[in-house]
Amino acid sequence: MNKMIQLIASLIPQRVAIVVGTMMELIRSKIKYNDWFYPQQIFIEVGTRCNRKCGYCPEKLKLGPSEFMSNEIFEKVIQRLEEIKWSGRIAFHITNEPMKDIDLERKIKIITTRLPNAIPTLLTNGDFLSMDRADAMVAAGLLRCTITRHEPVGALWDKRVRETIKKYPRVFRLHTVTNSNKINPGGISDGFVAKQLTNCYSTSCALPIRYDGTVAPCCCDYKRELSLGNISKESLVDIIANFRSMQKQLRDGDRPWDICKKCTGQKLI
């Protein structure tokens, strides 16, 4: 089923694919969990650092040490997802570059094996991409990868990305970052101004699990000030249930935390 969805998505324009995919996720959530806004995807923070310092991204501040998710925590994440029979997207980032994790292919394979209805996805800046790694990730079960093009990039970067997309057009897509599609997560990037949305759907679209098992309300909490619980002690069922009222607050335009008051927010589609 996931491969069929992947084929259909690869044949239509990216913007249309995003709209259709979001609507399908909403319907899936309502049918499976009786909740239109059950998280559409899970973010697993396999590492805490990105190799770049993009001006609009809080990662340019490089707060805290570089950490990677331990095998024990990753195993607990998989167990928690098995408990709810997770069948949506699973990505490997919050503000980090996931391909810095040399063990990423094994993690993709574990998800493919133990959560066969999940959709392993990747968001990467492409700096660590090679054809060998692309081959390995696709063989492990990667179904979707968005490569973000952040200037400056060189001719060799463009060549590697073009060759990868040509070989795997159903898996890899290019997204060019421009001023029109930038956001200011948590309002933390000084000197970068983006229009604030009244209604924020960030917490309703994705559930981030940090490298230490802490569940964050939102990927924009770069300073790690907020926590919904930890998967080592609590189930995802309980964590998500306890968070539903606050998700609705944000969708309705009420911003309960200081970080939300500074953040630009995220559209549903």
C-alpha atoms as a PDB file:
ATOM      1  CA  MET A   1       0.000   0.000   0.000  1.00  0.00           C
ATOM      2  CA  ASN A   2       2.754   2.468   0.920  1.00  0.00           C
ATOM      3  CA  LYS A   3       4.583   1.794  -2.333  1.00  0.00           C
ATOM      4  CA  MET A   4       1.373   2.423  -4.291  1.00  0.00           C
ATOM      5  CA  ILE A   5       0.885   5.740  -2.454  1.00  0.00           C
ATOM      6  CA  GLN A   6       4.510   6.576  -3.185  1.00  0.00           C
ATOM      7  CA  LEU A   7       4.008   5.890  -6.901  1.00  0.00           C
ATOM      8  CA  ILE A   8       0.916   8.084  -7.090  1.00  0.00           C
ATOM      9  CA  ALA A   9       2.635  10.902  -5.175  1.00  0.00           C
ATOM     10  CA  SER A  10       5.637  10.804  -7.498  1.00  0.00           C
ATOM     11  CA  LEU A  11       3.439  11.367 -10.560  1.00  0.00           C
ATOM     12  CA  ILE A  12       1.790  14.618  -9.442  1.00  0.00           C
ATOM     13  CA  PRO A  13       3.225  18.095  -8.704  1.00  0.00           C
ATOM     14  CA  GLN A  14       4.760  18.483  -5.256  1.00  0.00           C
ATOM     15  CA  ARG A  15       2.293  21.131  -4.034  1.00  0.00           C
ATOM     16  CA  VAL A  16      -0.665  18.994  -5.106  1.00  0.00           C
ATOM     17  CA  ALA A  17       0.944  15.956  -3.459  1.00  0.00           C
ATOM     18  CA  ILE A  18       1.272  17.888  -0.184  1.00  0.00           C
ATOM     19  CA  VAL A  19      -2.391  18.943  -0.200  1.00  0.00           C
ATOM     20  CA  VAL A  20      -3.674  15.489  -1.134  1.00  0.00           C
ATOM     21  CA  GLY A  21      -1.332  13.803   1.339  1.00  0.00           C
ATOM     22  CA  THR A  22      -2.437  16.078   4.188  1.00  0.00           C
ATOM     23  CA  MET A  23      -6.112  15.433   3.497  1.00  0.00           C
ATOM     24  CA  MET A  24      -5.487  11.683   3.407  1.00  0.00           C
ATOM     25  CA  GLU A  25      -3.631  11.898   6.722  1.00  0.00           C
ATOM     26  CA  LEU A  26      -6.536  13.756   8.329  1.00  0.00           C
ATOM     27  CA  ILE A  27      -8.984  11.118   7.143  1.00  0.00           C
ATOM     28  CA  ARG A  28      -6.685   8.312   8.302  1.00  0.00           C
ATOM     29  CA  SER A  29      -6.390   9.884  11.751  1.00  0.00           C
ATOM     30  CA  LYS A  30     -10.150  10.261  12.087  1.00  0.00           C
ATOM     31  CA  ILE A  31     -10.804   6.657  11.060  1.00  0.00           C
ATOM     32  CA  LYS A  32      -8.014   5.073  13.105  1.00  0.00           C
ATOM     33  CA  TYR A  33      -7.907   7.292  16.201  1.00  0.00           C
ATOM     34  CA  ASN A  34     -11.256   9.149  16.016  1.00  0.00           C
ATOM     35  CA  ASP A  35      -9.262  12.375  15.984  1.00  0.00           C
ATOM     36  CA  TRP A  36      -8.821  14.535  12.883  1.00  0.00           C
ATOM     37  CA  PHE A  37      -5.645  16.020  14.368  1.00  0.00           C
ATOM     38  CA  TYR A  38      -3.844  12.982  15.691  1.00  0.00           C
ATOM     39  CA  PRO A  39      -0.185  13.606  14.727  1.00  0.00           C
ATOM     40  CA  GLN A  40       0.351  13.088  11.017  1.00  0.00           C
ATOM     41  CA  GLN A  41       3.994  12.183  11.432  1.00  0.00           C
ATOM     42  CA  ILE A  42       6.562  11.299  14.062  1.00  0.00           C
ATOM     43  CA  PHE A  43       9.915  13.080  14.187  1.00  0.00           C
ATOM     44  CA  ILE A  44      12.694  10.944  15.690  1.00  0.00           C
ATOM     45  CA  GLU A  45      15.696  13.116  16.550  1.00  0.00           C
ATOM     46  CA  VAL A  46      18.508  10.692  15.736  1.00  0.00           C
ATOM     47  CA  GLY A  47      21.027  13.475  16.417  1.00  0.00           C
ATOM     48  CA  THR A  48      21.009  17.018  17.736  1.00  0.00           C
ATOM     49  CA  ARG A  49      23.213  18.912  15.303  1.00  0.00           C
ATOM     50  CA  CYS A  50      23.215  20.106  11.720  1.00  0.00           C
ATOM     51  CA  ASN A  51      26.431  20.771   9.833  1.00  0.00           C
ATOM     52  CA  ARG A  52      25.092  24.080   8.512  1.00  0.00           C
ATOM     53  CA  LYS A  53      24.288  27.486  10.028  1.00  0.00           C
ATOM     54  CA  CYS A  54      21.409  28.804   7.917  1.00  0.00           C
ATOM     55  CA  GLY A  55      20.519  32.363   8.876  1.00  0.00           C
ATOM     56  CA  TYR A  56      16.813  31.721   9.479  1.00  0.00           C
ATOM     57  CA  CYS A  57      17.322  28.498  11.464  1.00  0.00           C
ATOM     58  CA  PRO A  58      17.992  28.428  15.230  1.00  0.00           C
ATOM     59  CA  GLU A  59      20.559  25.683  14.672  1.00  0.00           C
ATOM     60  CA  LYS A  60      22.971  28.464  13.730  1.00  0.00           C
ATOM     61  CA  LEU A  61      23.218  29.095  17.491  1.00  0.00           C
ATOM     62  CA  LYS A  62      24.501  25.542  18.149  1.00  0.00           C
ATOM     63  CA  LEU A  63      23.112  25.437  21.689  1.00  0.00           C
ATOM     64  CA  GLY A  64      24.156  22.396  23.718  1.00  0.00           C
ATOM     65  CA  PRO A  65      26.511  19.522  22.909  1.00  0.00           C
ATOM     66  CA  SER A  66      26.239  17.248  19.897  1.00  0.00           C
ATOM     67  CA  GLU A  67      24.321  14.112  20.889  1.00  0.00           C
ATOM     68  CA  PHE A  68      23.009  11.028  19.093  1.00  0.00           C
ATOM     69  CA  MET A  69      20.043   8.890  20.089  1.00  0.00           C
ATOM     70  CA  SER A  70      21.178   5.710  21.823  1.00  0.00           C
ATOM     71  CA  ASN A  71      20.145   2.271  20.602  1.00  0.00           C
ATOM     72  CA  GLU A  72      18.189   1.807  23.857  1.00  0.00           C
ATOM     73  CA  ILE A  73      16.105   4.942  23.332  1.00  0.00           C
ATOM     74  CA  PHE A  74      15.541   4.148  19.649  1.00  0.00           C
ATOM     75  CA  GLU A  75      14.312   0.671  20.629  1.00  0.00           C
ATOM     76  CA  LYS A  76      11.898   2.217  23.135  1.00  0.00           C
ATOM     77  CA  VAL A  77      10.604   4.594  20.448  1.00  0.00           C
ATOM     78  CA  ILE A  78       9.898   1.648  18.155  1.00  0.00           C
ATOM     79  CA  GLN A  79       8.143  -0.210  20.963  1.00  0.00           C
ATOM     80  CA  ARG A  80       5.913   2.794  21.675  1.00  0.00           C
ATOM     81  CA  LEU A  81       5.038   3.104  17.991  1.00  0.00           C
ATOM     82  CA  GLU A  82       4.268  -0.607  17.823  1.00  0.00           C
ATOM     83  CA  GLU A  83       1.856  -0.163  20.742  1.00  0.00           C
ATOM     84  CA  ILE A  84      -0.271   2.258  18.722  1.00  0.00           C
ATOM     85  CA  LYS A  85       0.240   0.350  15.443  1.00  0.00           C
ATOM     86  CA  TRP A  86       1.675   3.464  13.841  1.00  0.00           C
ATOM     87  CA  SER A  87       1.029   3.694  10.100  1.00  0.00           C
ATOM     88  CA  GLY A  88       1.970   7.282   9.244  1.00  0.00           C
ATOM     89  CA  ARG A  89       5.184   8.995   8.282  1.00  0.00           C
ATOM     90  CA  ILE A  90       8.334   8.702  10.369  1.00  0.00           C
ATOM     91  CA  ALA A  91      11.117  11.227   9.821  1.00  0.00           C
ATOM     92  CA  PHE A  92      14.530  11.482  11.480  1.00  0.00           C
ATOM     93  CA  HIS A  93      14.971  15.160  12.221  1.00  0.00           C
ATOM     94  CA  ILE A  94      13.928  18.100  14.327  1.00  0.00           C
ATOM     95  CA  THR A  95      16.528  20.760  13.516  1.00  0.00           C
ATOM     96  CA  ASN A  96      19.363  18.296  12.909  1.00  0.00           C
ATOM     97  CA  GLU A  97      20.824  16.865   9.705  1.00  0.00           C
ATOM     98  CA  PRO A  98      19.777  13.188   9.892  1.00  0.00           C
ATOM     99  CA  MET A  99      22.377  11.914   7.438  1.00  0.00           C
ATOM    100  CA  LYS A 100      25.099  12.747   9.961  1.00  0.00           C
ATOM    101  CA  ASP A 101      23.963   9.521  11.646  1.00  0.00           C
ATOM    102  CA  ILE A 102      26.078   6.761  10.099  1.00  0.00           C
ATOM    103  CA  ASP A 103      23.589   4.227  11.493  1.00  0.00           C
ATOM    104  CA  LEU A 104      20.599   5.757   9.698  1.00  0.00           C
ATOM    105  CA  GLU A 105      20.165   2.964   7.166  1.00  0.00           C
ATOM    106  CA  ARG A 106      19.850   0.356   9.933  1.00  0.00           C
ATOM    107  CA  LYS A 107      17.219   2.461  11.674  1.00  0.00           C
ATOM    108  CA  ILE A 108      15.225   2.750   8.442  1.00  0.00           C
ATOM    109  CA  LYS A 109      15.379  -1.039   8.047  1.00  0.00           C
ATOM    110  CA  ILE A 110      14.138  -1.597  11.607  1.00  0.00           C
ATOM    111  CA  ILE A 111      11.144   0.649  10.941  1.00  0.00           C
ATOM    112  CA  THR A 112      10.401  -1.089   7.648  1.00  0.00           C
ATOM    113  CA  THR A 113      10.532  -4.499   9.359  1.00  0.00           C
ATOM    114  CA  ARG A 114       8.702  -3.801  12.604  1.00  0.00           C
ATOM    115  CA  LEU A 115       6.298  -1.081  11.448  1.00  0.00           C
ATOM    116  CA  PRO A 116       5.444  -2.312   7.937  1.00  0.00           C
ATOM    117  CA  ASN A 117       2.656   0.219   7.459  1.00  0.00           C
ATOM    118  CA  ALA A 118       4.806   3.206   8.426  1.00  0.00           C
ATOM    119  CA  ILE A 119       6.265   5.516   5.798  1.00  0.00           C
ATOM    120  CA  PRO A 120       9.996   6.205   6.385  1.00  0.00           C
ATOM    121  CA  THR A 121      10.812   9.706   5.154  1.00  0.00           C
ATOM    122  CA  LEU A 122      13.856  11.926   5.176  1.00  0.00           C
ATOM    123  CA  LEU A 123      14.491  15.665   5.096  1.00  0.00           C
ATOM    124  CA  THR A 124      18.134  16.399   4.321  1.00  0.00           C
ATOM    125  CA  ASN A 125      20.324  19.247   3.110  1.00  0.00           C
ATOM    126  CA  GLY A 126      22.085  16.755   0.829  1.00  0.00           C
ATOM    127  CA  ASP A 127      25.603  17.515   2.031  1.00  0.00           C
ATOM    128  CA  PHE A 128      26.187  13.905   3.136  1.00  0.00           C
ATOM    129  CA  LEU A 129      24.340  12.364   0.200  1.00  0.00           C
ATOM    130  CA  SER A 130      26.151   9.967  -2.104  1.00  0.00           C
ATOM    131  CA  MET A 131      24.866   7.375  -4.528  1.00  0.00           C
ATOM    132  CA  ASP A 132      26.068   4.593  -2.225  1.00  0.00           C
ATOM    133  CA  ARG A 133      24.067   5.992   0.664  1.00  0.00           C
ATOM    134  CA  ALA A 134      21.040   6.610  -1.550  1.00  0.00           C
ATOM    135  CA  ASP A 135      21.201   2.972  -2.703  1.00  0.00           C
ATOM    136  CA  ALA A 136      21.498   1.757   0.891  1.00  0.00           C
ATOM    137  CA  MET A 137      18.616   3.886   2.188  1.00  0.00           C
ATOM    138  CA  VAL A 138      16.268   2.864  -0.622  1.00  0.00           C
ATOM    139  CA  ALA A 139      17.223  -0.789  -0.109  1.00  0.00           C
ATOM    140  CA  ALA A 140      16.448  -0.386   3.603  1.00  0.00           C
ATOM    141  CA  GLY A 141      12.973   0.895   2.784  1.00  0.00           C
ATOM    142  CA  LEU A 142      13.155   4.691   2.490  1.00  0.00           C
ATOM    143  CA  LEU A 143      10.026   5.812   0.646  1.00  0.00           C
ATOM    144  CA  ARG A 144      10.358   9.577   0.487  1.00  0.00           C
ATOM    145  CA  CYS A 145      13.276  12.007   0.711  1.00  0.00           C
ATOM    146  CA  THR A 146      13.112  15.773   0.306  1.00  0.00           C
ATOM    147  CA  ILE A 147      16.468  17.381  -0.398  1.00  0.00           C
ATOM    148  CA  THR A 148      16.485  21.042   0.589  1.00  0.00           C
ATOM    149  CA  ARG A 149      18.623  23.318  -1.530  1.00  0.00           C
ATOM    150  CA  HIS A 150      20.135  25.990   0.712  1.00  0.00           C
ATOM    151  CA  GLU A 151      22.434  28.480  -0.960  1.00  0.00           C
ATOM    152  CA  PRO A 152      25.331  28.396  -1.287  1.00  0.00           C
ATOM    153  CA  VAL A 153      25.826  25.024  -2.957  1.00  0.00           C
ATOM    154  CA  GLY A 154      28.469  24.047  -5.464  1.00  0.00           C
ATOM    155  CA  ALA A 155      28.442  22.310  -8.826  1.00  0.00           C
ATOM    156  CA  LEU A 156      29.382  18.958  -7.268  1.00  0.00           C
ATOM    157  CA  TRP A 157      26.397  19.193  -4.855  1.00  0.00           C
ATOM    158  CA  ASP A 158      24.043  19.884  -7.756  1.00  0.00           C
ATOM    159  CA  LYS A 159      25.527  17.015  -9.765  1.00  0.00           C
ATOM    160  CA  ARG A 160      25.133  14.497  -6.917  1.00  0.00           C
ATOM    161  CA  VAL A 161      21.553  15.551  -6.279  1.00  0.00           C
ATOM    162  CA  ARG A 162      20.569  15.486  -9.965  1.00  0.00           C
ATOM    163  CA  GLU A 163      22.024  11.996 -10.407  1.00  0.00           C
ATOM    164  CA  THR A 164      20.253  10.718  -7.287  1.00  0.00           C
ATOM    165  CA  ILE A 165      16.874  12.122  -8.352  1.00  0.00           C
ATOM    166  CA  LYS A 166      17.351  10.729 -11.855  1.00  0.00           C
ATOM    167  CA  LYS A 167      17.980   7.241 -10.466  1.00  0.00           C
ATOM    168  CA  TYR A 168      15.207   7.337  -7.852  1.00  0.00           C
ATOM    169  CA  PRO A 169      12.587   9.846  -9.089  1.00  0.00           C
ATOM    170  CA  ARG A 170       9.846   8.236  -7.004  1.00  0.00           C
ATOM    171  CA  VAL A 171      11.791   8.658  -3.773  1.00  0.00           C
ATOM    172  CA  PHE A 172      13.919  11.826  -4.002  1.00  0.00           C
ATOM    173  CA  ARG A 173      12.652  15.352  -4.630  1.00  0.00           C
ATOM    174  CA  LEU A 174      14.321  18.751  -4.529  1.00  0.00           C
ATOM    175  CA  HIS A 175      12.945  21.675  -2.511  1.00  0.00           C
ATOM    176  CA  THR A 176      14.594  25.055  -2.976  1.00  0.00           C
ATOM    177  CA  VAL A 177      14.496  27.234   0.134  1.00  0.00           C
ATOM    178  CA  THR A 178      13.475  30.827  -0.647  1.00  0.00           C
ATOM    179  CA  ASN A 179      12.429  33.833   1.408  1.00  0.00           C
ATOM    180  CA  SER A 180       8.783  33.062   0.660  1.00  0.00           C
ATOM    181  CA  ASN A 181       8.861  29.638   2.347  1.00  0.00           C
ATOM    182  CA  LYS A 182      11.076  30.415   5.341  1.00  0.00           C
ATOM    183  CA  ILE A 183       9.733  30.485   8.879  1.00  0.00           C
ATOM    184  CA  ASN A 184      11.237  31.723  12.147  1.00  0.00           C
ATOM    185  CA  PRO A 185      10.908  28.788  14.583  1.00  0.00           C
ATOM    186  CA  GLY A 186      10.146  30.030  18.059  1.00  0.00           C
ATOM    187  CA  GLY A 187      11.078  33.558  16.976  1.00  0.00           C
ATOM    188  CA  ILE A 188      14.646  32.736  17.979  1.00  0.00           C
ATOM    189  CA  SER A 189      16.471  33.882  14.842  1.00  0.00           C
ATOM    190  CA  ASP A 190      17.362  37.546  15.383  1.00  0.00           C
ATOM    191  CA  GLY A 191      17.353  39.650  12.252  1.00  0.00           C
ATOM    192  CA  PHE A 192      14.960  37.339  10.421  1.00  0.00           C
ATOM    193  CA  VAL A 193      11.345  38.437  10.208  1.00  0.00           C
ATOM    194  CA  ALA A 194       8.483  36.250   9.025  1.00  0.00           C
ATOM    195  CA  LYS A 195       4.740  36.869   9.181  1.00  0.00           C
ATOM    196  CA  GLN A 196       3.092  35.273  12.202  1.00  0.00           C
ATOM    197  CA  LEU A 197       0.094  33.067  11.524  1.00  0.00           C
ATOM    198  CA  THR A 198      -2.959  33.411  13.738  1.00  0.00           C
ATOM    199  CA  ASN A 199      -3.738  29.696  13.844  1.00  0.00           C
ATOM    200  CA  CYS A 200      -0.839  27.279  14.321  1.00  0.00           C
ATOM    201  CA  TYR A 201      -1.036  23.626  13.292  1.00  0.00           C
ATOM    202  CA  SER A 202       2.558  22.700  14.070  1.00  0.00           C
ATOM    203  CA  THR A 203       1.702  20.676  17.180  1.00  0.00           C
ATOM    204  CA  SER A 204      -1.173  18.978  15.344  1.00  0.00           C
ATOM    205  CA  CYS A 205       0.898  17.901  12.345  1.00  0.00           C
ATOM    206  CA  ALA A 206       3.927  16.256  13.951  1.00  0.00           C
ATOM    207  CA  LEU A 207       5.086  14.822  17.248  1.00  0.00           C
ATOM    208  CA  PRO A 208       8.844  15.276  17.862  1.00  0.00           C
ATOM    209  CA  ILE A 209      10.709  12.727  20.001  1.00  0.00           C
ATOM    210  CA  ARG A 210      14.076  14.056  21.098  1.00  0.00           C
ATOM    211  CA  TYR A 211      17.307  12.049  21.217  1.00  0.00           C
ATOM    212  CA  ASP A 212      16.827  11.333  24.959  1.00  0.00           C
ATOM    213  CA  GLY A 213      13.229  10.111  24.602  1.00  0.00           C
ATOM    214  CA  THR A 214      11.606  13.375  25.670  1.00  0.00           C
ATOM    215  CA  VAL A 215       8.491  14.176  23.668  1.00  0.00           C
ATOM    216  CA  ALA A 216       8.373  17.827  22.634  1.00  0.00           C
ATOM    217  CA  PRO A 217       5.165  19.684  21.818  1.00  0.00           C
ATOM    218  CA  CYS A 218       6.714  21.212  18.719  1.00  0.00           C
ATOM    219  CA  CYS A 219       9.874  21.131  16.610  1.00  0.00           C
ATOM    220  CA  CYS A 220      10.204  24.915  17.102  1.00  0.00           C
ATOM    221  CA  ASP A 221      11.203  24.455  20.773  1.00  0.00           C
ATOM    222  CA  TYR A 222      14.906  24.687  19.924  1.00  0.00           C
ATOM    223  CA  LYS A 223      15.984  25.581  23.466  1.00  0.00           C
ATOM    224  CA  ARG A 224      14.250  22.419  24.779  1.00  0.00           C
ATOM    225  CA  GLU A 225      12.240  24.334  27.359  1.00  0.00           C
ATOM    226  CA  LEU A 226       9.029  22.289  27.041  1.00  0.00           C
ATOM    227  CA  SER A 227       8.265  18.611  27.567  1.00  0.00           C
ATOM    228  CA  LEU A 228       5.135  16.486  27.277  1.00  0.00           C
ATOM    229  CA  GLY A 229       6.775  13.472  28.919  1.00  0.00           C
ATOM    230  CA  ASN A 230       9.310  10.787  28.094  1.00  0.00           C
ATOM    231  CA  ILE A 231       8.670   7.586  26.152  1.00  0.00           C
ATOM    232  CA  SER A 232      10.808   5.656  28.654  1.00  0.00           C
ATOM    233  CA  LYS A 233       8.174   6.280  31.329  1.00  0.00           C
ATOM    234  CA  GLU A 234       4.926   7.013  29.488  1.00  0.00           C
ATOM    235  CA  SER A 235       3.084   5.624  26.481  1.00  0.00           C
ATOM    236  CA  LEU A 236       2.486   7.725  23.401  1.00  0.00           C
ATOM    237  CA  VAL A 237      -1.231   7.115  23.884  1.00  0.00           C
ATOM    238  CA  ASP A 238      -1.165   8.936  27.228  1.00  0.00           C
ATOM    239  CA  ILE A 239       1.206  11.666  26.081  1.00  0.00           C
ATOM    240  CA  ILE A 240      -0.899  12.507  23.028  1.00  0.00           C
ATOM    241  CA  ALA A 241      -4.177  12.340  24.967  1.00  0.00           C
ATOM    242  CA  ASN A 242      -2.904  14.754  27.619  1.00  0.00           C
ATOM    243  CA  PHE A 243      -1.834  17.204  24.917  1.00  0.00           C
ATOM    244  CA  ARG A 244      -5.054  17.385  22.879  1.00  0.00           C
ATOM    245  CA  SER A 245      -6.571  20.416  24.595  1.00  0.00           C
ATOM    246  CA  MET A 246      -3.412  22.471  24.105  1.00  0.00           C
ATOM    247  CA  GLN A 247      -3.242  21.473  20.444  1.00  0.00           C
ATOM    248  CA  LYS A 248      -6.759  22.841  20.018  1.00  0.00           C
ATOM    249  CA  GLN A 249      -5.771  26.087  21.733  1.00  0.00           C
ATOM    250  CA  LEU A 250      -3.060  26.647  19.152  1.00  0.00           C
ATOM    251  CA  ARG A 251      -5.359  25.754  16.251  1.00  0.00           C
ATOM    252  CA  ASP A 252      -7.851  28.298  17.592  1.00  0.00           C
ATOM    253  CA  GLY A 253      -5.217  31.029  17.745  1.00  0.00           C
ATOM    254  CA  ASP A 254      -4.474  30.990  21.475  1.00  0.00           C
ATOM    255  CA  ARG A 255      -0.733  30.748  22.170  1.00  0.00           C
ATOM    256  CA  PRO A 256      -0.206  29.238  25.637  1.00  0.00           C
ATOM    257  CA  TRP A 257       3.599  29.403  25.902  1.00  0.00           C
ATOM    258  CA  ASP A 258       6.046  32.296  25.558  1.00  0.00           C
ATOM    259  CA  ILE A 259       7.785  30.471  22.715  1.00  0.00           C
ATOM    260  CA  CYS A 260       4.472  30.359  20.812  1.00  0.00           C
ATOM    261  CA  LYS A 261       3.972  34.099  21.149  1.00  0.00           C
ATOM    262  CA  LYS A 262       7.251  34.707  19.266  1.00  0.00           C
ATOM    263  CA  CYS A 263       6.892  31.921  16.706  1.00  0.00           C
ATOM    264  CA  THR A 264       5.599  32.373  13.167  1.00  0.00           C
ATOM    265  CA  GLY A 265       3.563  29.184  13.393  1.00  0.00           C
ATOM    266  CA  GLN A 266       2.728  26.602  10.745  1.00  0.00           C
ATOM    267  CA  LYS A 267      -0.115  26.217   8.265  1.00  0.00           C
ATOM    268  CA  LEU A 268      -2.120  23.023   7.999  1.00  0.00           C
ATOM    269  CA  ILE A 269      -1.507  22.917   4.245  1.00  0.00           C
END
